[in-house]
Amino acid sequence: MKATSAYRLKAALAWLLAGAGATGSAAMATAMSFPNLDVPLASNLAMVQEMRADAAVQRNAPSSEALNRAVIAAAPMTPAAWLRIAYLQTRDGGALKPSGLEALEKSYAIAPFGPDISLWRLTFIYDHWPLMTPSLRAQAAAELETLSRSRGQTFDVRTISNASGRFSAQMTEAAAINLQGIDRATDGVAR
């Protein structure tokens, strides 16, 4: 094969690859901008399905649960989808069911310390504190302690509606802030 033929073949393949990349990028951008459109190549991606489910929950759409199940089927390691199960059960004043508690446990198994979901998850758990299992209480306390110790008072315990949950969160946060102060005071001290 001549050098010019090899060059033309490589150039054609490069243009083909660039075209495929541009087409995929455009499909993904369109699907993310308009999640309710059916965009070939992109609509079945987990990220787009997550956006659809989140938008449906915000609109209080009847399809919320079905869309959330589709997210879990596509990407079972998405902690927000598991949290959405618990939220959907309680959204209209309903009781948190065992499947909701199990979904909260799964969210901790996937992402024990968030960070993207920490504030929402902690608020939800402390708002429903009397219904939480000992395991969920311990995991929430560990998450709040880690969050408060590393970031300070980023969690607003005043937003918690349940009195016992608010008290528990206040005590956990105060202990974590104290430990953060001890950590800072002892930095650089030889042990």
Protein backbone atom coordinates (compact mmCIF):
# COMPACT_ATOMS: atom_id res chain seq x y z
CA MET A 1 0.00 0.00 0.00
CA LYS A 2 1.32 3.41 -0.92
CA ALA A 3 1.98 6.04 1.71
CA THR A 4 -0.75 8.29 0.30
CA SER A 5 -3.32 5.48 0.42
CA ALA A 6 -2.42 4.71 4.04
CA TYR A 7 -2.67 8.40 4.89
CA ARG A 8 -6.10 8.69 3.24
CA LEU A 9 -7.33 5.60 5.08
CA LYS A 10 -6.13 6.98 8.44
CA ALA A 11 -7.68 10.38 7.70
CA ALA A 12 -11.00 8.76 6.76
CA LEU A 13 -11.01 6.69 9.95
CA ALA A 14 -10.19 9.78 12.02
CA TRP A 15 -13.07 11.68 10.44
CA LEU A 16 -15.38 8.71 11.00
CA LEU A 17 -14.38 8.52 14.66
CA ALA A 18 -14.81 12.30 15.07
CA GLY A 19 -18.26 12.11 13.50
CA ALA A 20 -19.31 9.28 15.77
CA GLY A 21 -18.06 11.19 18.80
CA ALA A 22 -19.86 14.36 17.75
CA THR A 23 -23.08 12.43 17.12
CA GLY A 24 -22.88 10.72 20.51
CA SER A 25 -22.12 13.99 22.27
CA ALA A 26 -25.01 15.75 20.55
CA ALA A 27 -27.38 12.90 21.43
CA MET A 28 -26.27 12.95 25.06
CA ALA A 29 -26.54 16.74 25.32
CA THR A 30 -30.02 16.68 23.80
CA ALA A 31 -31.18 13.84 26.05
CA MET A 32 -29.89 15.60 29.16
CA SER A 33 -31.36 18.96 28.17
CA PHE A 34 -34.71 17.43 27.30
CA PRO A 35 -34.97 14.21 29.34
CA ASN A 36 -38.55 13.51 28.24
CA LEU A 37 -37.58 13.31 24.55
CA ASP A 38 -36.78 9.91 23.13
CA VAL A 39 -33.28 10.43 21.75
CA PRO A 40 -31.68 7.46 19.98
CA LEU A 41 -28.38 6.34 21.54
CA ALA A 42 -28.87 8.34 24.75
CA SER A 43 -32.36 7.96 26.21
CA ASN A 44 -31.61 4.59 27.79
CA LEU A 45 -28.48 5.75 29.58
CA ALA A 46 -28.74 5.64 33.36
CA MET A 47 -27.89 9.33 33.75
CA VAL A 48 -30.79 10.36 31.51
CA GLN A 49 -33.15 7.97 33.27
CA GLU A 50 -32.05 9.44 36.62
CA MET A 51 -32.91 12.93 35.37
CA ARG A 52 -36.31 11.70 34.17
CA ALA A 53 -37.10 10.09 37.51
CA ASP A 54 -35.99 13.15 39.46
CA ALA A 55 -38.08 15.46 37.27
CA ALA A 56 -41.12 13.18 37.66
CA VAL A 57 -40.78 13.24 41.45
CA GLN A 58 -40.52 17.03 41.45
CA ARG A 59 -43.67 17.26 39.30
CA ASN A 60 -45.43 14.72 41.55
CA ALA A 61 -46.11 12.68 38.41
CA PRO A 62 -47.84 9.30 38.68
CA SER A 63 -44.99 7.75 36.70
CA SER A 64 -42.42 8.55 39.43
CA GLU A 65 -42.21 5.03 40.83
CA ALA A 66 -41.97 3.36 37.42
CA LEU A 67 -39.25 5.76 36.29
CA ASN A 68 -37.35 5.19 39.53
CA ARG A 69 -37.54 1.42 39.05
CA ALA A 70 -36.08 1.93 35.56
CA VAL A 71 -33.17 3.85 37.09
CA ILE A 72 -32.49 1.06 39.58
CA ALA A 73 -32.68 -1.53 36.80
CA ALA A 74 -30.23 0.47 34.66
CA ALA A 75 -27.87 1.51 37.47
CA PRO A 76 -28.45 -0.26 40.79
CA MET A 77 -25.48 1.52 42.36
CA THR A 78 -27.23 4.91 42.23
CA PRO A 79 -27.87 5.88 45.87
CA ALA A 80 -30.31 8.67 44.99
CA ALA A 81 -32.63 6.15 43.33
CA TRP A 82 -32.75 4.06 46.51
CA LEU A 83 -33.43 7.16 48.60
CA ARG A 84 -36.21 8.11 46.21
CA ILE A 85 -38.04 4.89 47.17
CA ALA A 86 -38.26 6.01 50.79
CA TYR A 87 -39.23 9.52 49.79
CA LEU A 88 -42.02 8.34 47.46
CA GLN A 89 -43.50 6.28 50.30
CA THR A 90 -43.71 9.28 52.60
CA ARG A 91 -44.26 12.09 50.07
CA ASP A 92 -48.02 12.32 50.56
CA GLY A 93 -47.97 11.65 54.29
CA GLY A 94 -47.72 7.90 53.87
CA ALA A 95 -45.95 5.62 56.30
CA LEU A 96 -42.41 4.46 55.71
CA LYS A 97 -42.63 0.77 54.85
CA PRO A 98 -40.02 -1.95 55.44
CA SER A 99 -39.07 -1.65 51.75
CA GLY A 100 -38.30 2.04 52.37
CA LEU A 101 -36.07 1.17 55.31
CA GLU A 102 -34.34 -1.45 53.19
CA ALA A 103 -33.83 1.15 50.44
CA LEU A 104 -32.22 3.50 52.97
CA GLU A 105 -29.90 0.67 54.04
CA LYS A 106 -28.96 0.08 50.39
CA SER A 107 -28.16 3.76 49.94
CA TYR A 108 -25.72 3.46 52.85
CA ALA A 109 -24.23 0.28 51.41
CA ILE A 110 -23.58 2.10 48.14
CA ALA A 111 -22.45 5.48 49.49
CA PRO A 112 -21.98 5.43 53.27
CA PHE A 113 -20.69 8.99 53.48
CA GLY A 114 -22.44 10.60 50.51
CA PRO A 115 -21.21 13.15 49.77
CA ASP A 116 -23.76 14.34 47.18
CA ILE A 117 -26.73 12.85 49.01
CA SER A 118 -25.62 13.35 52.61
CA LEU A 119 -27.59 16.47 53.49
CA TRP A 120 -30.85 15.19 52.02
CA ARG A 121 -30.45 11.68 53.46
CA LEU A 122 -29.60 12.96 56.93
CA THR A 123 -32.55 15.34 56.97
CA PHE A 124 -34.89 12.55 55.85
CA ILE A 125 -33.60 10.07 58.41
CA TYR A 126 -33.66 12.50 61.32
CA ASP A 127 -37.16 13.69 60.28
CA HIS A 128 -38.30 10.05 60.55
CA TRP A 129 -36.09 9.20 63.52
CA PRO A 130 -38.60 7.13 65.56
CA LEU A 131 -39.11 4.78 62.57
CA MET A 132 -35.41 4.16 61.94
CA THR A 133 -33.75 0.88 62.78
CA PRO A 134 -30.74 0.85 65.13
CA SER A 135 -28.52 0.18 62.13
CA LEU A 136 -29.83 3.21 60.23
CA ARG A 137 -29.50 5.39 63.32
CA ALA A 138 -25.87 4.34 63.76
CA GLN A 139 -25.08 4.91 60.08
CA ALA A 140 -26.74 8.34 60.10
CA ALA A 141 -24.81 9.32 63.23
CA ALA A 142 -21.54 8.17 61.65
CA GLU A 143 -22.32 10.08 58.46
CA LEU A 144 -23.24 13.25 60.36
CA GLU A 145 -20.13 12.96 62.52
CA THR A 146 -17.90 12.54 59.48
CA LEU A 147 -19.61 15.40 57.65
CA SER A 148 -19.43 17.75 60.63
CA ARG A 149 -15.88 16.80 61.49
CA SER A 150 -14.61 17.37 57.97
CA ARG A 151 -16.76 20.34 56.89
CA GLY A 152 -17.90 21.94 60.12
CA GLN A 153 -21.53 22.90 60.63
CA THR A 154 -22.82 22.42 57.10
CA PHE A 155 -25.88 20.46 58.23
CA ASP A 156 -28.68 22.69 59.54
CA VAL A 157 -30.30 20.71 62.35
CA ARG A 158 -32.99 23.39 62.71
CA THR A 159 -34.64 22.06 59.54
CA ILE A 160 -35.41 18.71 61.21
CA SER A 161 -39.10 18.57 62.09
CA ASN A 162 -39.00 15.60 64.47
CA ALA A 163 -37.97 16.70 68.00
CA SER A 164 -36.16 13.49 68.94
CA GLY A 165 -34.38 13.41 65.60
CA ARG A 166 -33.37 17.06 65.95
CA PHE A 167 -32.03 16.44 69.47
CA SER A 168 -30.02 13.41 68.34
CA ALA A 169 -28.61 15.33 65.38
CA GLN A 170 -27.68 18.28 67.62
CA MET A 171 -25.84 16.02 70.05
CA THR A 172 -24.02 14.16 67.27
CA GLU A 173 -23.07 17.38 65.54
CA ALA A 174 -21.86 19.00 68.79
CA ALA A 175 -19.66 15.99 69.58
CA ALA A 176 -18.23 16.03 66.05
CA ILE A 177 -17.47 19.75 66.23
CA ASN A 178 -15.70 19.17 69.55
CA LEU A 179 -13.66 16.36 67.99
CA GLN A 180 -12.85 18.64 65.06
CA GLY A 181 -11.51 21.21 67.51
CA ILE A 182 -9.41 18.57 69.24
CA ASP A 183 -8.08 17.41 65.85
CA ARG A 184 -7.06 20.95 64.97
CA ALA A 185 -5.51 21.57 68.38
CA THR A 186 -3.43 18.43 68.21
CA ASP A 187 -2.26 18.82 64.60
CA GLY A 188 1.48 18.77 64.54
CA VAL A 189 1.81 17.53 68.11
CA ALA A 190 4.24 14.63 68.36
CA ARG A 191 2.64 11.46 69.57
